[in-house]
Amino acid sequence: MDKLRIVGGRPLQGEVRVSGAKNAALPILCASLLTGDPITLENVPDLRDIGTTLALLGRMGVQIDRQAGGRVTLCAADINRQEAPYELVKTMRASILVLGPLLARFGQARVSLPGGCAIGQRPVDQHIKGLAAMDAEIRIEHGFVVAGAERLRGASILTDMVTVTGTENLLMAATLAHGTTVLENAACEPEVVDLANLLIAMGADIEGHGTDRIVIQGVERLHGATHRIIPDRIEAGTFLCAVAATGGEITLQGAAPGTMGATLDKLREAGMKIACGPNWIRASMHGRPHATGCRTSEYPGFPTDMQAQIMALNTLASGTAVITENIFENRYMHVQELQRMGADIEIDGHTAVVTGVESLSGATVMATDLRASASLVIAGLAAQGETTVERIYHLDRGYERMEAKLQALGARIHRIQ
């Protein structure tokens, strides 16, 4: 397995371009199943999860033309298989997002139940509940969700919790349903809005996306479209946390600061100077950061996908920060690895108390999930001495050539194959 070797202690300087958002691209790729016309996507990031999704769609019969520069064209005119097998779903839980489109367009789907998740349970019961309300017949059979419907019918659906992938699955399914579907307690994330914007470009009738109440009037068919994936707000936030921990000044091009309010607020509390334009962020940090606590919550609150990175920053801050994780029950597995580097962190249930230390020391650490990987890279960049981050295949799931981008900012970081 590949590793990253980092020699820390050097401020970051320069400019880097933010990639397209993984969490927007995944459901948007699955939306190609809703039409037999070509869908052309731009700004698609080159990630392991993207490759897995394209492999899954290709197995179903989607014709895929993947070009340089993040341009992908998909055509689902000749689907020969409405099934998502376990060997692909087990590596990426977002594969469940093919369920709604397959059921809406073809009237049947067979999708493996996702396996366990390192950061906690992500049940798909809300997906099933919503589709059943739309007159789908659903059963669990040998580890698969087997669904059928002559045609989905619009319904009023109130999910028991805010679920991003649940909202996305039901949103896609409702576009081809007969009648009106109302999604209550819907997710408001920018990635949901991006999906809705593509669906509207394909001919869907959607209102209220970006709020907790989305109304979809079903149409007979959808057509092809061209769409550009929004910038990745989590990647941008990760680079900002890195410069906050190491010091220095960077400019992020191709960013979307309007989607990053909670993250930018916390970094300003930490002492970072931030200036923003429509598609850029300039940030500088001089001196030791101030401790800044957070409570993760659904958008527009502080994102759970930034919790590990803000914790890495706080390990070096002056003062004590209290971090509460409200989304996933097992998302503190990076704590033990940060402690190996000298961090002072105490865990009490869903709360972490982080007391900043003067410096971290390089060590060999192991990544346990995607965002934990990013936190360990940040800690390694700021630490004294050499850090080796193992199992970085997690990192490759959600960050496009992270080490190359950091090298361009002056970091001493190298991939070891």
Protein backbone atom coordinates (compact mmCIF):
# COMPACT_ATOMS: atom_id res chain seq x y z
CA MET A 1 0.00 0.00 0.00
CA ASP A 2 1.13 3.55 -0.71
CA LYS A 3 2.29 5.82 2.10
CA LEU A 4 2.99 9.51 2.49
CA ARG A 5 6.25 10.70 3.98
CA ILE A 6 6.15 14.25 5.32
CA VAL A 7 8.92 16.41 6.77
CA GLY A 8 7.05 19.08 8.69
CA GLY A 9 7.75 22.52 10.02
CA ARG A 10 7.57 24.52 6.79
CA PRO A 11 4.92 27.24 6.15
CA LEU A 12 2.76 26.83 3.03
CA GLN A 13 2.96 29.48 0.32
CA GLY A 14 1.44 29.77 -3.13
CA GLU A 15 -1.66 28.99 -5.15
CA VAL A 16 -3.67 25.82 -5.65
CA ARG A 17 -6.80 24.97 -7.64
CA VAL A 18 -9.74 23.32 -5.89
CA SER A 19 -11.11 20.17 -7.55
CA GLY A 20 -14.74 19.35 -8.25
CA ALA A 21 -16.77 18.13 -5.29
CA LYS A 22 -16.73 14.37 -4.79
CA ASN A 23 -20.00 14.45 -2.86
CA ALA A 24 -21.71 16.28 -5.71
CA ALA A 25 -20.17 14.23 -8.51
CA LEU A 26 -21.24 10.82 -7.15
CA PRO A 27 -25.04 11.34 -7.21
CA ILE A 28 -24.76 13.35 -10.44
CA LEU A 29 -23.02 10.41 -12.14
CA CYS A 30 -25.86 8.16 -10.99
CA ALA A 31 -28.41 10.62 -12.39
CA SER A 32 -27.23 9.66 -15.88
CA LEU A 33 -29.35 6.51 -15.46
CA LEU A 34 -32.51 8.64 -15.65
CA THR A 35 -32.25 9.24 -19.42
CA GLY A 36 -31.09 7.53 -22.59
CA ASP A 37 -29.60 10.80 -23.84
CA PRO A 38 -25.94 11.76 -23.27
CA ILE A 39 -25.02 13.64 -20.09
CA THR A 40 -21.77 15.63 -20.24
CA LEU A 41 -20.15 16.59 -16.96
CA GLU A 42 -17.26 18.98 -16.41
CA ASN A 43 -14.96 19.43 -13.40
CA VAL A 44 -15.29 15.77 -12.39
CA PRO A 45 -12.47 14.99 -9.93
CA ASP A 46 -10.07 12.12 -10.56
CA LEU A 47 -10.68 10.07 -7.43
CA ARG A 48 -10.91 6.43 -6.40
CA ASP A 49 -14.63 6.81 -5.56
CA ILE A 50 -15.32 8.32 -8.98
CA GLY A 51 -13.58 5.37 -10.63
CA THR A 52 -15.67 2.95 -8.58
CA THR A 53 -18.91 4.68 -9.57
CA LEU A 54 -17.96 4.70 -13.25
CA ALA A 55 -17.09 0.99 -13.03
CA LEU A 56 -20.51 0.30 -11.51
CA LEU A 57 -22.33 2.30 -14.20
CA GLY A 58 -20.25 0.66 -16.91
CA ARG A 59 -21.21 -2.78 -15.65
CA MET A 60 -24.86 -1.80 -16.08
CA GLY A 61 -24.28 -0.85 -19.71
CA VAL A 62 -23.66 2.90 -19.47
CA GLN A 63 -21.34 4.08 -22.25
CA ILE A 64 -18.63 6.25 -20.69
CA ASP A 65 -16.22 8.64 -22.39
CA ARG A 66 -13.75 9.96 -19.82
CA GLN A 67 -11.50 12.71 -21.12
CA ALA A 68 -8.60 14.67 -19.70
CA GLY A 69 -9.39 17.77 -17.69
CA GLY A 70 -12.30 16.29 -15.75
CA ARG A 71 -14.79 15.94 -18.62
CA VAL A 72 -16.98 12.82 -18.62
CA THR A 73 -19.82 11.96 -21.01
CA LEU A 74 -22.25 9.18 -20.06
CA CYS A 75 -24.99 7.59 -22.15
CA ALA A 76 -27.41 5.14 -20.53
CA ALA A 77 -29.35 4.32 -23.71
CA ASP A 78 -28.64 0.59 -23.55
CA ILE A 79 -28.84 -0.53 -19.91
CA ASN A 80 -28.64 -4.31 -19.75
CA ARG A 81 -28.43 -4.82 -16.01
CA GLN A 82 -30.34 -3.11 -13.18
CA GLU A 83 -28.11 -4.45 -10.42
CA ALA A 84 -25.37 -3.09 -8.17
CA PRO A 85 -23.31 -6.05 -6.89
CA TYR A 86 -21.75 -6.27 -3.45
CA GLU A 87 -18.15 -6.33 -4.67
CA LEU A 88 -18.55 -2.72 -5.85
CA VAL A 89 -21.02 -1.43 -3.25
CA LYS A 90 -18.88 -2.64 -0.34
CA THR A 91 -16.05 -0.27 -1.29
CA MET A 92 -18.27 2.81 -1.47
CA ARG A 93 -21.58 3.26 0.30
CA ALA A 94 -22.72 5.98 -2.13
CA SER A 95 -23.42 3.18 -4.62
CA ILE A 96 -26.91 3.01 -3.06
CA LEU A 97 -27.61 6.14 -5.14
CA VAL A 98 -28.36 4.00 -8.21
CA LEU A 99 -31.48 2.62 -6.50
CA GLY A 100 -33.78 5.60 -7.09
CA PRO A 101 -32.83 6.26 -10.74
CA LEU A 102 -33.06 2.58 -11.74
CA LEU A 103 -36.45 2.15 -10.10
CA ALA A 104 -37.81 5.39 -11.58
CA ARG A 105 -36.76 4.71 -15.18
CA PHE A 106 -36.88 0.92 -15.46
CA GLY A 107 -39.35 -0.05 -12.76
CA GLN A 108 -36.93 -2.44 -11.09
CA ALA A 109 -33.61 -2.46 -9.24
CA ARG A 110 -31.47 -4.88 -7.29
CA VAL A 111 -28.86 -3.12 -5.17
CA SER A 112 -26.63 -4.71 -2.57
CA LEU A 113 -26.97 -3.41 0.95
CA PRO A 114 -23.84 -1.45 1.87
CA GLY A 115 -21.46 -3.06 4.31
CA GLY A 116 -20.15 -1.58 7.54
CA CYS A 117 -18.69 1.89 7.72
CA ALA A 118 -15.60 2.80 9.72
CA ILE A 119 -17.04 6.11 10.95
CA GLY A 120 -20.42 4.72 12.01
CA GLN A 121 -23.74 3.42 10.76
CA ARG A 122 -25.34 4.99 7.69
CA PRO A 123 -28.67 3.15 7.49
CA VAL A 124 -30.57 3.09 4.20
CA ASP A 125 -33.96 2.64 5.86
CA GLN A 126 -34.98 6.20 4.98
CA HIS A 127 -34.33 5.51 1.29
CA ILE A 128 -36.53 2.41 1.49
CA LYS A 129 -39.24 4.19 3.50
CA GLY A 130 -39.47 6.98 0.95
CA LEU A 131 -39.57 4.71 -2.11
CA ALA A 132 -42.21 2.53 -0.46
CA ALA A 133 -44.33 5.66 0.07
CA MET A 134 -44.05 6.18 -3.70
CA ASP A 135 -45.72 2.78 -4.30
CA ALA A 136 -42.56 0.72 -4.78
CA GLU A 137 -42.63 -2.87 -3.62
CA ILE A 138 -39.40 -3.48 -1.73
CA ARG A 139 -37.97 -6.52 -0.01
CA ILE A 140 -34.58 -7.45 1.41
CA GLU A 141 -33.36 -10.66 -0.19
CA HIS A 142 -29.95 -12.31 0.36
CA GLY A 143 -28.32 -8.98 1.24
CA PHE A 144 -29.91 -7.05 -1.63
CA VAL A 145 -32.59 -4.38 -1.77
CA VAL A 146 -34.94 -5.72 -4.44
CA ALA A 147 -37.40 -3.09 -5.64
CA GLY A 148 -40.11 -2.96 -8.26
CA ALA A 149 -42.83 -0.55 -9.38
CA GLU A 150 -44.98 -0.26 -12.50
CA ARG A 151 -44.47 3.49 -12.11
CA LEU A 152 -43.57 5.41 -9.01
CA ARG A 153 -46.25 7.76 -7.70
CA GLY A 154 -45.74 11.10 -6.03
CA ALA A 155 -46.04 11.20 -2.26
CA SER A 156 -45.43 13.41 0.74
CA ILE A 157 -42.34 12.02 2.48
CA LEU A 158 -41.06 13.11 5.88
CA THR A 159 -37.75 11.43 6.72
CA ASP A 160 -37.02 10.62 10.36
CA MET A 161 -33.65 12.37 10.08
CA VAL A 162 -31.83 14.65 7.69
CA THR A 163 -30.09 12.34 5.22
CA VAL A 164 -28.10 13.67 2.28
CA THR A 165 -27.99 10.49 0.20
CA GLY A 166 -31.60 9.74 1.14
CA THR A 167 -32.68 13.15 -0.13
CA GLU A 168 -30.67 12.64 -3.32
CA ASN A 169 -32.06 9.16 -4.00
CA LEU A 170 -35.67 10.25 -3.47
CA LEU A 171 -35.15 13.45 -5.45
CA MET A 172 -33.92 11.48 -8.47
CA ALA A 173 -36.70 8.92 -8.17
CA ALA A 174 -39.39 11.62 -7.95
CA THR A 175 -38.39 13.30 -11.22
CA LEU A 176 -40.03 10.50 -13.25
CA ALA A 177 -42.83 9.63 -10.81
CA HIS A 178 -46.49 10.26 -11.61
CA GLY A 179 -47.72 13.32 -9.76
CA THR A 180 -46.17 15.54 -7.11
CA THR A 181 -43.62 14.49 -4.49
CA VAL A 182 -42.86 16.62 -1.44
CA LEU A 183 -39.67 15.88 0.50
CA GLU A 184 -39.91 17.23 4.07
CA ASN A 185 -36.87 17.43 6.36
CA ALA A 186 -34.75 17.37 3.21
CA ALA A 187 -30.99 17.94 3.26
CA CYS A 188 -29.94 21.49 2.28
CA GLU A 189 -26.31 20.74 1.35
CA PRO A 190 -24.81 22.48 -1.70
CA GLU A 191 -24.22 19.05 -3.22
CA VAL A 192 -28.00 18.38 -3.14
CA VAL A 193 -28.56 21.74 -4.84
CA ASP A 194 -25.99 20.85 -7.50
CA LEU A 195 -27.79 17.59 -8.24
CA ALA A 196 -31.13 19.40 -8.46
CA ASN A 197 -29.65 21.94 -10.88
CA LEU A 198 -28.50 19.14 -13.19
CA LEU A 199 -31.92 17.46 -13.00
CA ILE A 200 -33.62 20.77 -13.88
CA ALA A 201 -31.26 21.11 -16.87
CA MET A 202 -32.44 17.62 -17.88
CA GLY A 203 -36.07 18.75 -17.83
CA ALA A 204 -37.12 18.01 -14.23
CA ASP A 205 -39.63 20.24 -12.42
CA ILE A 206 -38.10 20.95 -8.99
CA GLU A 207 -38.64 23.75 -6.48
CA GLY A 208 -37.27 24.38 -3.00
CA HIS A 209 -33.84 22.74 -3.40
CA GLY A 210 -31.51 24.27 -0.83
CA THR A 211 -34.33 24.31 1.74
CA ASP A 212 -35.76 21.56 3.93
CA ARG A 213 -38.85 21.25 1.72
CA ILE A 214 -38.37 20.18 -1.90
CA VAL A 215 -41.32 19.86 -4.28
CA ILE A 216 -40.95 17.74 -7.42
CA GLN A 217 -43.56 17.48 -10.17
CA GLY A 218 -42.86 14.28 -12.07
CA VAL A 219 -42.36 14.38 -15.85
CA GLU A 220 -42.67 11.70 -18.53
CA ARG A 221 -39.01 11.74 -19.54
CA LEU A 222 -35.74 13.55 -19.01
CA HIS A 223 -33.25 14.54 -21.70
CA GLY A 224 -29.52 15.11 -22.00
CA ALA A 225 -27.65 18.08 -20.54
CA THR A 226 -24.22 19.54 -19.87
CA HIS A 227 -23.31 20.44 -16.29
CA ARG A 228 -20.27 21.60 -14.34
CA ILE A 229 -19.66 20.06 -10.89
CA ILE A 230 -19.37 22.59 -8.05
CA PRO A 231 -16.02 23.07 -6.25
CA ASP A 232 -15.22 20.80 -3.32
CA ARG A 233 -15.83 22.81 -0.14
CA ILE A 234 -14.24 20.08 2.02
CA GLU A 235 -11.02 19.98 0.00
CA ALA A 236 -10.85 23.77 0.18
CA GLY A 237 -11.42 23.70 3.94
CA THR A 238 -8.74 21.06 4.36
CA PHE A 239 -6.11 23.22 2.63
CA LEU A 240 -7.14 26.20 4.74
CA CYS A 241 -6.73 24.14 7.93
CA ALA A 242 -3.30 23.08 6.71
CA VAL A 243 -2.06 26.66 6.31
CA ALA A 244 -3.68 27.62 9.62
CA ALA A 245 -1.62 24.88 11.30
CA THR A 246 1.68 25.53 9.50
CA GLY A 247 1.49 29.27 8.94
CA GLY A 248 1.97 30.97 5.59
CA GLU A 249 -0.30 32.34 2.88
CA ILE A 250 -2.19 30.58 0.09
CA THR A 251 -4.74 31.36 -2.59
CA LEU A 252 -7.39 28.83 -3.54
CA GLN A 253 -8.60 29.23 -7.12
CA GLY A 254 -11.83 27.68 -8.34
CA ALA A 255 -13.30 27.69 -4.83
CA ALA A 256 -16.89 28.39 -3.73
CA PRO A 257 -16.63 30.45 -0.51
CA GLY A 258 -20.39 30.93 -0.48
CA THR A 259 -20.80 27.26 0.49
CA MET A 260 -18.20 27.40 3.29
CA GLY A 261 -19.63 29.85 5.81
CA ALA A 262 -19.30 27.72 8.96
CA THR A 263 -15.76 26.59 8.11
CA LEU A 264 -14.55 30.09 7.27
CA ASP A 265 -16.08 31.47 10.48
CA LYS A 266 -14.18 28.94 12.60
CA LEU A 267 -10.90 29.62 10.84
CA ARG A 268 -11.33 33.35 11.38
CA GLU A 269 -11.92 32.61 15.08
CA ALA A 270 -8.62 30.73 15.03
CA GLY A 271 -6.88 33.91 13.87
CA MET A 272 -6.69 33.32 10.13
CA LYS A 273 -6.98 36.32 7.82
CA ILE A 274 -9.34 35.45 4.97
CA ALA A 275 -10.41 37.37 1.88
CA CYS A 276 -12.88 35.97 -0.64
CA GLY A 277 -14.07 36.62 -4.17
CA PRO A 278 -16.72 34.84 -6.24
CA ASN A 279 -14.42 31.88 -6.99
CA TRP A 280 -11.29 32.39 -4.89
CA ILE A 281 -10.12 32.48 -1.27
CA ARG A 282 -6.92 34.08 -0.02
CA ALA A 283 -5.85 33.08 3.49
CA SER A 284 -2.87 33.82 5.70
CA MET A 285 -1.80 32.78 9.17
CA HIS A 286 1.05 34.26 11.16
CA GLY A 287 1.69 33.03 14.66
CA ARG A 288 0.03 30.34 16.69
CA PRO A 289 -3.69 29.74 16.08
CA HIS A 290 -6.30 30.30 18.77
CA ALA A 291 -8.34 27.34 20.02
CA THR A 292 -11.77 27.18 18.38
CA GLY A 293 -14.42 24.64 19.30
CA CYS A 294 -17.27 23.39 17.11
CA ARG A 295 -20.37 21.24 17.04
CA THR A 296 -20.97 19.32 13.83
CA SER A 297 -24.43 19.51 12.30
CA GLU A 298 -26.24 19.41 8.99
CA TYR A 299 -25.68 22.23 6.49
CA PRO A 300 -25.39 25.17 7.02
CA GLY A 301 -23.81 24.09 10.31
CA PHE A 302 -20.22 23.00 10.76
CA PRO A 303 -19.67 19.92 8.52
CA THR A 304 -18.76 16.59 10.04
CA ASP A 305 -16.36 16.14 7.11
CA MET A 306 -14.26 19.02 8.53
CA GLN A 307 -14.21 17.86 12.16
CA ALA A 308 -10.96 15.88 11.96
CA GLN A 309 -9.14 18.71 10.17
CA ILE A 310 -10.22 21.38 12.66
CA MET A 311 -9.13 19.04 15.46
CA ALA A 312 -5.65 18.74 13.93
CA LEU A 313 -5.45 22.54 13.90
CA ASN A 314 -6.53 22.73 17.53
CA THR A 315 -3.81 20.34 18.68
CA LEU A 316 -1.35 23.22 18.10
CA ALA A 317 -3.58 26.12 19.17
CA SER A 318 -3.25 28.29 22.24
CA GLY A 319 -5.97 27.33 24.69
CA THR A 320 -8.49 24.50 24.86
CA ALA A 321 -11.17 23.66 22.32
CA VAL A 322 -14.28 21.52 22.83
CA ILE A 323 -15.42 19.61 19.74
CA THR A 324 -18.73 17.73 19.65
CA GLU A 325 -19.50 15.22 16.91
CA ASN A 326 -23.27 15.00 16.38
CA ILE A 327 -23.48 13.19 13.02
CA PHE A 328 -21.46 9.95 13.30
CA GLU A 329 -20.94 7.94 16.44
CA ASN A 330 -17.46 6.65 15.65
CA ARG A 331 -15.66 9.56 14.07
CA TYR A 332 -12.81 10.03 16.55
CA MET A 333 -10.53 7.26 15.33
CA HIS A 334 -7.92 9.83 14.29
CA VAL A 335 -7.54 10.87 17.94
CA GLN A 336 -5.30 7.96 18.89
CA GLU A 337 -3.02 8.66 15.93
CA LEU A 338 -2.79 12.38 16.78
CA GLN A 339 -1.93 11.40 20.34
CA ARG A 340 0.99 9.39 18.97
CA MET A 341 2.32 12.68 17.67
CA GLY A 342 2.02 14.35 21.05
CA ALA A 343 -1.49 15.81 20.92
CA ASP A 344 -3.38 16.38 24.18
CA ILE A 345 -6.93 15.13 23.52
CA GLU A 346 -9.49 13.65 25.89
CA ILE A 347 -12.64 11.92 24.66
CA ASP A 348 -15.92 11.78 26.58
CA GLY A 349 -18.64 10.20 24.47
CA HIS A 350 -19.34 12.48 21.52
CA THR A 351 -17.11 15.25 22.91
CA ALA A 352 -13.39 15.79 22.44
CA VAL A 353 -11.46 18.25 24.61
CA VAL A 354 -8.32 19.40 22.78
CA THR A 355 -5.65 21.30 24.70
CA GLY A 356 -3.12 22.80 22.36
CA VAL A 357 0.58 21.95 22.69
CA GLU A 358 3.60 23.96 21.58
CA SER A 359 4.57 21.43 18.92
CA LEU A 360 3.81 17.96 17.57
CA SER A 361 6.51 15.42 16.81
CA GLY A 362 6.67 13.33 13.67
CA ALA A 363 5.63 9.69 13.93
CA THR A 364 4.32 6.79 11.89
CA VAL A 365 0.52 6.94 11.91
CA MET A 366 -2.26 4.99 10.22
CA ALA A 367 -5.25 6.46 8.40
CA THR A 368 -8.60 4.91 9.28
CA ASP A 369 -10.96 6.84 7.01
CA LEU A 370 -10.98 9.62 4.44
CA ARG A 371 -11.10 12.71 6.65
CA ALA A 372 -8.92 11.12 9.35
CA SER A 373 -6.28 10.79 6.63
CA ALA A 374 -6.48 14.51 5.94
CA SER A 375 -6.11 15.39 9.63
CA LEU A 376 -2.95 13.30 9.88
CA VAL A 377 -1.47 15.01 6.81
CA ILE A 378 -2.18 18.41 8.40
CA ALA A 379 -0.56 17.31 11.65
CA GLY A 380 2.45 15.95 9.76
CA LEU A 381 2.90 19.21 7.84
CA ALA A 382 3.03 21.15 11.12
CA ALA A 383 5.00 18.63 13.20
CA GLN A 384 8.70 18.65 13.94
CA GLY A 385 10.55 15.86 12.15
CA GLU A 386 9.29 13.16 9.81
CA THR A 387 5.79 11.69 9.69
CA THR A 388 4.72 8.64 7.70
CA VAL A 389 0.99 8.28 7.00
CA GLU A 390 0.05 4.70 6.14
CA ARG A 391 -3.05 3.35 4.35
CA ILE A 392 -3.54 6.48 2.27
CA TYR A 393 -5.89 4.70 -0.12
CA HIS A 394 -8.51 6.34 2.11
CA LEU A 395 -7.08 9.73 1.13
CA ASP A 396 -7.22 8.89 -2.57
CA ARG A 397 -10.97 8.29 -2.28
CA GLY A 398 -11.65 11.99 -1.76
CA TYR A 399 -8.58 14.14 -2.54
CA GLU A 400 -7.23 14.58 -6.05
CA ARG A 401 -3.41 14.42 -6.07
CA MET A 402 -3.19 15.97 -2.61
CA GLU A 403 0.56 15.49 -2.29
CA ALA A 404 1.21 17.19 -5.65
CA LYS A 405 -0.91 20.18 -4.65
CA LEU A 406 0.89 20.44 -1.31
CA GLN A 407 4.27 20.16 -3.01
CA ALA A 408 3.28 23.16 -5.15
CA LEU A 409 2.75 25.07 -1.89
CA GLY A 410 6.26 24.20 -0.70
CA ALA A 411 5.44 21.21 1.50
CA ARG A 412 8.02 18.45 1.85
CA ILE A 413 5.69 15.54 1.15
CA HIS A 414 6.23 12.48 -1.03
CA ARG A 415 4.27 9.36 -1.91
CA ILE A 416 6.03 6.09 -1.27
CA GLN A 417 4.77 3.24 -3.43
